[in-house]
Amino acid sequence: MATQEEVLLCLEWTAVVLNVAFTLCIAWEKRIGWVLGFVAGCIGVGLYALAHTWAMSVLNGYYIIMAVYGWWSWGQKEDDRIRTQPWAFHAVVIPAGLVLAYATAVLLGQYLNGSYPHLDAFVTVFSFIATWMMARKYISNWAYFIVADSVSVYLNWRIGYMGYAALNVMYLVLSVIGLVKWGRMLATQRDPG
């Protein structure tokens, strides 16, 4: 019979594999990726709750909701093109995200006795933003994920989730691939000739 530690390790690596498959599917605009993200999010909710990284647990709950939304949104044939946002959007979103991350860290640290509240909050807030942008097919989602995943590597290493730390290293590579791939597709959309 497997020990609790073995079960948790198996769940962590299952989520890792599902998350890699999700990211590859999304980079290649395969709608089925949202289903894989849904299952991985379900596993993540429990694992991060066990580690007392409450914001990361909430983030995985958000991933579950966004997987349903992404599945629906990508199924709409009205406008499934890759989109861009003006720089003014980022000039507002980034500072607002930093303020929200700080406020969340205070809440996590002072009231919920959370582990690594500043790292937990930063990764969560910017991953929320990036996931929403991904579901809307905004190309800049990849850049936001590059930043959030860089911090997440360290956070997961500190928690002791080496599988998730390795996953975030893979995410960094996949996010660069996704950014390049979507950039090429965007260029083709703009100049189909």
Protein backbone atom coordinates (compact mmCIF):
# COMPACT_ATOMS: atom_id res chain seq x y z
CA MET A 1 0.00 0.00 0.00
CA ALA A 2 1.29 3.44 -0.95
CA THR A 3 2.20 5.94 1.72
CA GLN A 4 0.63 9.38 1.86
CA GLU A 5 3.89 10.88 0.62
CA GLU A 6 3.92 8.53 -2.39
CA VAL A 7 0.31 9.39 -3.23
CA LEU A 8 1.04 13.13 -3.05
CA LEU A 9 4.12 12.71 -5.23
CA CYS A 10 2.09 10.73 -7.77
CA LEU A 11 -0.60 13.42 -7.81
CA GLU A 12 2.00 16.17 -8.19
CA TRP A 13 3.63 14.49 -11.19
CA THR A 14 0.25 13.70 -12.74
CA ALA A 15 -0.59 17.40 -12.53
CA VAL A 16 2.81 18.26 -14.00
CA VAL A 17 2.23 16.03 -17.05
CA LEU A 18 -1.30 17.37 -17.53
CA ASN A 19 -0.10 20.97 -17.24
CA VAL A 20 2.65 20.44 -19.83
CA ALA A 21 0.13 18.86 -22.19
CA PHE A 22 -2.27 21.77 -21.53
CA THR A 23 0.37 24.36 -22.39
CA LEU A 24 1.42 22.57 -25.57
CA CYS A 25 -2.20 22.29 -26.67
CA ILE A 26 -2.83 25.98 -26.00
CA ALA A 27 0.35 27.06 -27.83
CA TRP A 28 -0.90 25.13 -30.86
CA GLU A 29 -4.47 26.40 -30.36
CA LYS A 30 -5.92 22.98 -29.55
CA ARG A 31 -9.14 23.40 -27.60
CA ILE A 32 -8.77 20.03 -25.80
CA GLY A 33 -6.00 21.64 -23.74
CA TRP A 34 -8.63 23.31 -21.57
CA VAL A 35 -9.88 19.87 -20.44
CA LEU A 36 -6.36 18.89 -19.40
CA GLY A 37 -6.01 22.20 -17.55
CA PHE A 38 -9.28 21.54 -15.75
CA VAL A 39 -8.08 18.19 -14.36
CA ALA A 40 -4.65 19.59 -13.45
CA GLY A 41 -6.33 22.48 -11.63
CA CYS A 42 -8.41 20.08 -9.56
CA ILE A 43 -5.27 18.31 -8.39
CA GLY A 44 -3.47 21.61 -7.74
CA VAL A 45 -6.22 22.91 -5.44
CA GLY A 46 -5.64 20.06 -3.02
CA LEU A 47 -1.85 19.98 -3.18
CA TYR A 48 -1.43 23.71 -2.55
CA ALA A 49 -3.99 23.66 0.26
CA LEU A 50 -1.92 20.95 1.96
CA ALA A 51 1.13 23.23 1.67
CA HIS A 52 -0.78 26.19 3.19
CA THR A 53 -0.15 28.26 0.07
CA TRP A 54 -3.72 29.45 0.01
CA ALA A 55 -3.44 31.84 -2.90
CA MET A 56 -1.94 29.11 -5.09
CA SER A 57 -4.83 26.85 -4.09
CA VAL A 58 -7.30 29.59 -5.05
CA LEU A 59 -5.35 30.12 -8.27
CA ASN A 60 -5.85 26.48 -9.18
CA GLY A 61 -9.57 26.86 -8.45
CA TYR A 62 -9.52 29.82 -10.82
CA TYR A 63 -7.77 27.62 -13.40
CA ILE A 64 -10.70 25.22 -13.16
CA ILE A 65 -13.18 28.03 -13.83
CA MET A 66 -11.04 29.48 -16.62
CA ALA A 67 -10.72 26.02 -18.20
CA VAL A 68 -14.50 25.95 -18.55
CA TYR A 69 -14.52 29.53 -19.85
CA GLY A 70 -11.57 28.87 -22.19
CA TRP A 71 -13.25 25.76 -23.56
CA TRP A 72 -16.41 27.77 -24.22
CA SER A 73 -14.62 30.87 -25.52
CA TRP A 74 -12.38 28.97 -27.91
CA GLY A 75 -15.45 27.12 -29.20
CA GLN A 76 -17.04 30.36 -30.40
CA LYS A 77 -16.38 30.82 -34.10
CA GLU A 78 -17.18 34.53 -34.12
CA ASP A 79 -13.63 35.71 -33.54
CA ASP A 80 -10.98 33.18 -32.68
CA ARG A 81 -8.08 35.33 -33.81
CA ILE A 82 -5.05 36.12 -31.69
CA ARG A 83 -5.33 39.65 -30.28
CA THR A 84 -3.07 42.40 -29.01
CA GLN A 85 -3.58 45.04 -26.35
CA PRO A 86 -2.40 48.66 -26.29
CA TRP A 87 0.53 49.54 -24.06
CA ALA A 88 -1.83 51.64 -21.92
CA PHE A 89 -3.50 48.40 -20.82
CA HIS A 90 -0.19 47.09 -19.46
CA ALA A 91 0.64 50.47 -17.91
CA VAL A 92 -2.49 50.10 -15.78
CA VAL A 93 -2.57 46.33 -15.22
CA ILE A 94 1.02 45.86 -14.05
CA PRO A 95 0.96 48.48 -11.24
CA ALA A 96 -2.56 47.41 -10.25
CA GLY A 97 -1.36 43.79 -10.15
CA LEU A 98 1.58 44.73 -7.91
CA VAL A 99 -0.70 46.59 -5.49
CA LEU A 100 -3.16 43.71 -5.43
CA ALA A 101 -0.33 41.21 -4.90
CA TYR A 102 0.98 43.24 -1.94
CA ALA A 103 -2.49 43.51 -0.37
CA THR A 104 -3.05 39.79 -0.88
CA ALA A 105 0.32 39.01 0.71
CA VAL A 106 -0.63 41.04 3.78
CA LEU A 107 -3.93 39.15 4.03
CA LEU A 108 -2.22 35.78 3.59
CA GLY A 109 0.54 36.53 6.07
CA GLN A 110 -1.41 38.26 8.83
CA TYR A 111 -4.76 36.51 8.76
CA LEU A 112 -4.30 33.13 7.14
CA ASN A 113 -0.84 32.18 8.40
CA GLY A 114 0.12 31.38 4.80
CA SER A 115 3.49 30.09 3.72
CA TYR A 116 5.60 32.48 1.61
CA PRO A 117 2.79 35.04 1.31
CA HIS A 118 4.61 37.54 -0.96
CA LEU A 119 5.71 34.92 -3.47
CA ASP A 120 2.34 33.16 -3.25
CA ALA A 121 0.44 36.40 -3.86
CA PHE A 122 2.64 37.62 -6.72
CA VAL A 123 2.46 34.36 -8.65
CA THR A 124 -1.28 34.09 -8.07
CA VAL A 125 -2.24 37.64 -9.08
CA PHE A 126 -0.15 37.68 -12.24
CA SER A 127 -1.20 34.16 -13.19
CA PHE A 128 -4.85 35.25 -12.79
CA ILE A 129 -4.20 38.07 -15.23
CA ALA A 130 -2.25 35.90 -17.68
CA THR A 131 -4.86 33.13 -17.67
CA TRP A 132 -7.68 35.57 -18.41
CA MET A 133 -5.57 37.00 -21.25
CA MET A 134 -4.89 33.48 -22.58
CA ALA A 135 -8.59 32.63 -22.62
CA ARG A 136 -9.20 35.84 -24.60
CA LYS A 137 -6.28 34.96 -26.94
CA TYR A 138 -4.20 38.02 -26.07
CA ILE A 139 -0.63 37.33 -27.18
CA SER A 140 0.86 39.13 -24.17
CA ASN A 141 -0.41 36.33 -21.89
CA TRP A 142 2.84 34.52 -22.67
CA ALA A 143 4.99 37.41 -21.38
CA TYR A 144 2.98 37.60 -18.15
CA PHE A 145 3.37 33.86 -17.70
CA ILE A 146 7.14 34.10 -18.25
CA VAL A 147 7.38 36.50 -15.30
CA ALA A 148 4.93 34.61 -13.04
CA ASP A 149 6.47 31.23 -13.81
CA SER A 150 9.98 32.54 -13.06
CA VAL A 151 8.85 33.47 -9.54
CA SER A 152 6.86 30.24 -9.26
CA VAL A 153 9.99 28.13 -9.82
CA TYR A 154 11.45 29.58 -6.63
CA LEU A 155 8.18 29.36 -4.68
CA ASN A 156 7.64 25.71 -5.52
CA TRP A 157 11.26 24.91 -4.71
CA ARG A 158 10.78 26.55 -1.29
CA ILE A 159 7.57 24.56 -0.70
CA GLY A 160 9.36 21.35 -1.64
CA TYR A 161 7.27 20.65 -4.75
CA MET A 162 10.14 19.76 -7.06
CA GLY A 163 7.72 18.51 -9.72
CA TYR A 164 5.95 21.85 -9.83
CA ALA A 165 9.31 23.67 -9.79
CA ALA A 166 10.42 21.60 -12.80
CA LEU A 167 7.03 22.26 -14.40
CA ASN A 168 7.55 25.99 -14.11
CA VAL A 169 10.99 25.69 -15.71
CA MET A 170 9.27 23.84 -18.57
CA TYR A 171 6.58 26.55 -18.61
CA LEU A 172 9.27 29.18 -19.14
CA VAL A 173 10.48 27.35 -22.24
CA LEU A 174 6.94 26.62 -23.44
CA SER A 175 5.88 30.23 -22.87
CA VAL A 176 8.73 31.45 -25.07
CA ILE A 177 7.68 28.90 -27.70
CA GLY A 178 4.04 29.99 -27.35
CA LEU A 179 4.98 33.66 -27.68
CA VAL A 180 7.01 33.01 -30.82
CA LYS A 181 4.36 30.73 -32.34
CA TRP A 182 1.49 33.13 -31.62
CA GLY A 183 3.63 36.00 -32.89
CA ARG A 184 4.02 34.22 -36.22
CA MET A 185 0.30 33.43 -36.36
CA LEU A 186 -0.52 37.06 -35.54
CA ALA A 187 1.74 38.22 -38.37
CA THR A 188 -0.05 35.81 -40.74
CA GLN A 189 -3.44 37.14 -39.56
CA ARG A 190 -2.36 40.68 -40.30
CA ASP A 191 -0.81 39.83 -43.69
CA PRO A 192 -2.41 36.64 -44.99
CA GLY A 193 -0.73 37.05 -48.42
